[in-house]
Structures are given as C-alpha cells and as structure tokens.
C-alpha atoms as a PDB file:
ATOM      1  CA  MET A   1     117.020  90.976 130.221  1.00  0.00           C
ATOM      2  CA  VAL A   2     113.806  90.963 128.171  1.00  0.00           C
ATOM      3  CA  LEU A   3     112.609  89.705 124.798  1.00  0.00           C
ATOM      4  CA  VAL A   4     109.868  91.805 123.185  1.00  0.00           C
ATOM      5  CA  LEU A   5     107.121  89.602 121.732  1.00  0.00           C
ATOM      6  CA  GLU A   6     105.673  89.832 118.231  1.00  0.00           C
ATOM      7  CA  GLY A   7     103.008  92.464 117.626  1.00  0.00           C
ATOM      8  CA  ALA A   8     103.823  94.382 120.795  1.00  0.00           C
ATOM      9  CA  THR A   9     103.862  98.156 120.943  1.00  0.00           C
ATOM     10  CA  PRO A  10     107.356  99.669 121.280  1.00  0.00           C
ATOM     11  CA  ILE A  11     108.907  99.910 124.751  1.00  0.00           C
ATOM     12  CA  SER A  12     110.831 103.114 125.494  1.00  0.00           C
ATOM     13  CA  HIS A  13     112.214 105.113 128.423  1.00  0.00           C
ATOM     14  CA  GLY A  14     109.338 106.036 130.750  1.00  0.00           C
ATOM     15  CA  SER A  15     106.955 103.326 129.501  1.00  0.00           C
ATOM     16  CA  GLN A  16     104.387 102.249 132.093  1.00  0.00           C
ATOM     17  CA  LEU A  17     104.114  98.466 132.527  1.00  0.00           C
ATOM     18  CA  GLU A  18     102.590  95.899 134.846  1.00  0.00           C
ATOM     19  CA  SER A  19     105.236  93.486 136.047  1.00  0.00           C
ATOM     20  CA  HIS A  20     103.978  89.936 136.616  1.00  0.00           C
ATOM     21  CA  VAL A  21     106.438  88.146 138.892  1.00  0.00           C
ATOM     22  CA  HIS A  22     105.198  84.629 139.802  1.00  0.00           C
ATOM     23  CA  HIS A  23     101.979  85.510 141.722  1.00  0.00           C
ATOM     24  CA  ALA A  24     102.517  89.293 142.150  1.00  0.00           C
ATOM     25  CA  LYS A  25     101.311  91.980 139.734  1.00  0.00           C
ATOM     26  CA  GLU A  26     102.888  95.407 140.323  1.00  0.00           C
ATOM     27  CA  ALA A  27     103.033  98.672 138.399  1.00  0.00           C
ATOM     28  CA  ALA A  28     106.449  99.420 136.942  1.00  0.00           C
ATOM     29  CA  THR A  29     108.246 102.094 134.925  1.00  0.00           C
ATOM     30  CA  VAL A  30     111.095 101.609 132.451  1.00  0.00           C
ATOM     31  CA  VAL A  31     113.908 103.728 133.887  1.00  0.00           C
ATOM     32  CA  LYS A  32     116.652 102.934 131.376  1.00  0.00           C
ATOM     33  CA  LEU A  33     117.210 100.977 128.178  1.00  0.00           C
ATOM     34  CA  ALA A  34     120.765  99.842 128.890  1.00  0.00           C
ATOM     35  CA  ALA A  35     121.661  97.847 125.771  1.00  0.00           C
ATOM     36  CA  MET A  36     120.221  95.899 122.871  1.00  0.00           C
ATOM     37  CA  LEU A  37     121.393  92.276 122.839  1.00  0.00           C
ATOM     38  CA  ASP A  38     122.238  89.864 120.042  1.00  0.00           C
ATOM     39  CA  PRO A  39     119.443  87.239 120.143  1.00  0.00           C
ATOM     40  CA  LYS A  40     121.811  84.299 119.551  1.00  0.00           C
ATOM     41  CA  THR A  41     124.811  85.158 121.732  1.00  0.00           C
ATOM     42  CA  GLY A  42     123.289  87.518 124.311  1.00  0.00           C
ATOM     43  CA  GLU A  43     126.153  89.982 123.822  1.00  0.00           C
ATOM     44  CA  PRO A  44     125.403  93.742 123.753  1.00  0.00           C
ATOM     45  CA  THR A  45     125.159  95.104 120.196  1.00  0.00           C
ATOM     46  CA  LYS A  46     123.965  98.680 120.797  1.00  0.00           C
ATOM     47  CA  LYS A  47     124.139 100.843 123.921  1.00  0.00           C
ATOM     48  CA  SER A  48     121.161 102.979 124.983  1.00  0.00           C
ATOM     49  CA  PRO A  49     118.646 102.226 122.198  1.00  0.00           C
ATOM     50  CA  ARG A  50     115.750 104.677 121.781  1.00  0.00           C
ATOM     51  CA  CYS A  51     113.041 101.996 121.860  1.00  0.00           C
ATOM     52  CA  LEU A  52     112.459  98.266 121.539  1.00  0.00           C
ATOM     53  CA  THR A  53     110.186  96.822 118.886  1.00  0.00           C
ATOM     54  CA  ALA A  54     108.988  93.268 118.172  1.00  0.00           C
ATOM     55  CA  LYS A  55     111.482  90.398 118.440  1.00  0.00           C
ATOM     56  CA  GLN A  56     114.305  92.474 119.963  1.00  0.00           C
ATOM     57  CA  SER A  57     116.221  91.471 123.090  1.00  0.00           C
ATOM     58  CA  ALA A  58     117.558  94.056 125.508  1.00  0.00           C
ATOM     59  CA  MET A  59     118.815  94.774 129.010  1.00  0.00           C
ATOM     60  CA  LEU A  60     116.412  97.109 130.865  1.00  0.00           C
ATOM     61  CA  GLU A  61     116.355  98.880 134.198  1.00  0.00           C
ATOM     62  CA  VAL A  62     112.817  98.805 135.596  1.00  0.00           C
ATOM     63  CA  SER A  63     111.557 100.470 138.764  1.00  0.00           C
ATOM     64  CA  LEU A  64     108.655  98.766 140.570  1.00  0.00           C
ATOM     65  CA  HIS A  65     106.270 101.005 142.485  1.00  0.00           C
ATOM     66  CA  TYR A  66     106.164  98.573 145.457  1.00  0.00           C
ATOM     67  CA  PRO A  67     108.671  95.922 146.599  1.00  0.00           C
ATOM     68  CA  VAL A  68     108.299  92.387 145.243  1.00  0.00           C
ATOM     69  CA  CYS A  69     110.156  89.258 146.339  1.00  0.00           C
ATOM     70  CA  VAL A  70     112.289  87.960 143.435  1.00  0.00           C
ATOM     71  CA  GLU A  71     115.574  86.148 142.927  1.00  0.00           C
ATOM     72  CA  THR A  72     118.070  86.319 140.099  1.00  0.00           C
ATOM     73  CA  PHE A  73     117.375  83.871 137.279  1.00  0.00           C
ATOM     74  CA  SER A  74     120.740  82.163 137.856  1.00  0.00           C
ATOM     75  CA  GLU A  75     119.822  81.451 141.520  1.00  0.00           C
ATOM     76  CA  SER A  76     116.217  80.330 140.970  1.00  0.00           C
ATOM     77  CA  ARG A  77     114.696  79.931 137.514  1.00  0.00           C
ATOM     78  CA  ALA A  78     111.103  80.010 138.804  1.00  0.00           C
ATOM     79  CA  LEU A  79     111.533  83.148 140.948  1.00  0.00           C
ATOM     80  CA  GLY A  80     113.690  84.930 138.363  1.00  0.00           C
ATOM     81  CA  ARG A  81     111.130  85.023 135.549  1.00  0.00           C
ATOM     82  CA  VAL A  82     109.310  88.298 134.834  1.00  0.00           C
ATOM     83  CA  ARG A  83     106.403  89.010 132.430  1.00  0.00           C
ATOM     84  CA  PRO A  84     106.025  92.747 131.763  1.00  0.00           C
ATOM     85  CA  ALA A  85     102.623  93.721 130.304  1.00  0.00           C
ATOM     86  CA  ARG A  86     100.899  96.911 129.289  1.00  0.00           C
ATOM     87  CA  PRO A  87      98.131  97.893 131.718  1.00  0.00           C
ATOM     88  CA  GLN A  88      94.783  96.349 130.690  1.00  0.00           C
ATOM     89  CA  SER A  89      96.504  94.419 127.884  1.00  0.00           C
ATOM     90  CA  ARG A  90      98.333  91.263 126.966  1.00  0.00           C
ATOM     91  CA  HIS A  91     101.952  90.447 127.745  1.00  0.00           C
ATOM     92  CA  VAL A  92     104.405  92.447 125.645  1.00  0.00           C
ATOM     93  CA  SER A  93     107.611  90.674 126.630  1.00  0.00           C
ATOM     94  CA  ARG A  94     109.201  88.001 128.763  1.00  0.00           C
ATOM     95  CA  GLY A  95     112.315  88.362 130.801  1.00  0.00           C
ATOM     96  CA  GLU A  96     114.761  87.262 133.446  1.00  0.00           C
ATOM     97  CA  THR A  97     116.035  89.031 136.553  1.00  0.00           C
ATOM     98  CA  VAL A  98     119.798  89.423 136.055  1.00  0.00           C
ATOM     99  CA  HIS A  99     120.769  91.619 139.017  1.00  0.00           C
ATOM    100  CA  PHE A 100     119.270  94.126 141.439  1.00  0.00           C
ATOM    101  CA  LEU A 101     119.845  97.846 141.898  1.00  0.00           C
ATOM    102  CA  ARG A 102     118.913  98.955 145.403  1.00  0.00           C
ATOM    103  CA  ASP A 103     117.892 102.405 146.621  1.00  0.00           C
ATOM    104  CA  LEU A 104     119.955 103.404 149.628  1.00  0.00           C
END
C-alpha cells in the first residue's frame, strides 16, 4: 500500500523506482496497479487505475531487481516501511508492505 506525495510525478505500470527499505536501496519496477484506496477507510474504490497522481493511495505490486529482507507492516512496523523514489530524485511516496508474492 502506498501514498503518493504532493508534487510527485505520476506513477504508472512499468515505472522505474528506487525502493528504500530501512538501510537497503534497490531498483524496482511497478508491475501492477491493483486498486486505488479510499484515504480515510483504506477500502478499494477503483480497480486497476491507469496511474497515480499526488495525494492518492493505492495497492501496488512492485518487483525488486534483487532480494531485500523485509517483513509485513503488521508483523514489524520498522521493517515493513518502504519509501519508493525516482532514480536521482526525491521520495515520491511512502508505503507499507502488506503481503509478499514469491516467484516459484
């Protein structure tokens, strides 16, 4: 789950990001925009949005280029926080790890 910060460029399918997870900084790609969320309740309001602009909350699927040690936000608040950023830029959003999808 992520919240796009004010003044950020839109995030869409295929966007290249740097994922800052506690001390690690890894390249990442947005694989899927699953749903836009209501900012007050956290309930899905729109499935598969085209892009995310400033002050929108959404559920994303992100693929990291290399493995990083994280936990879900419900298990460990400190290890579940994620700060996606554009390469060579400032942070564009803040988020929480909700669950993992594993490659088999």
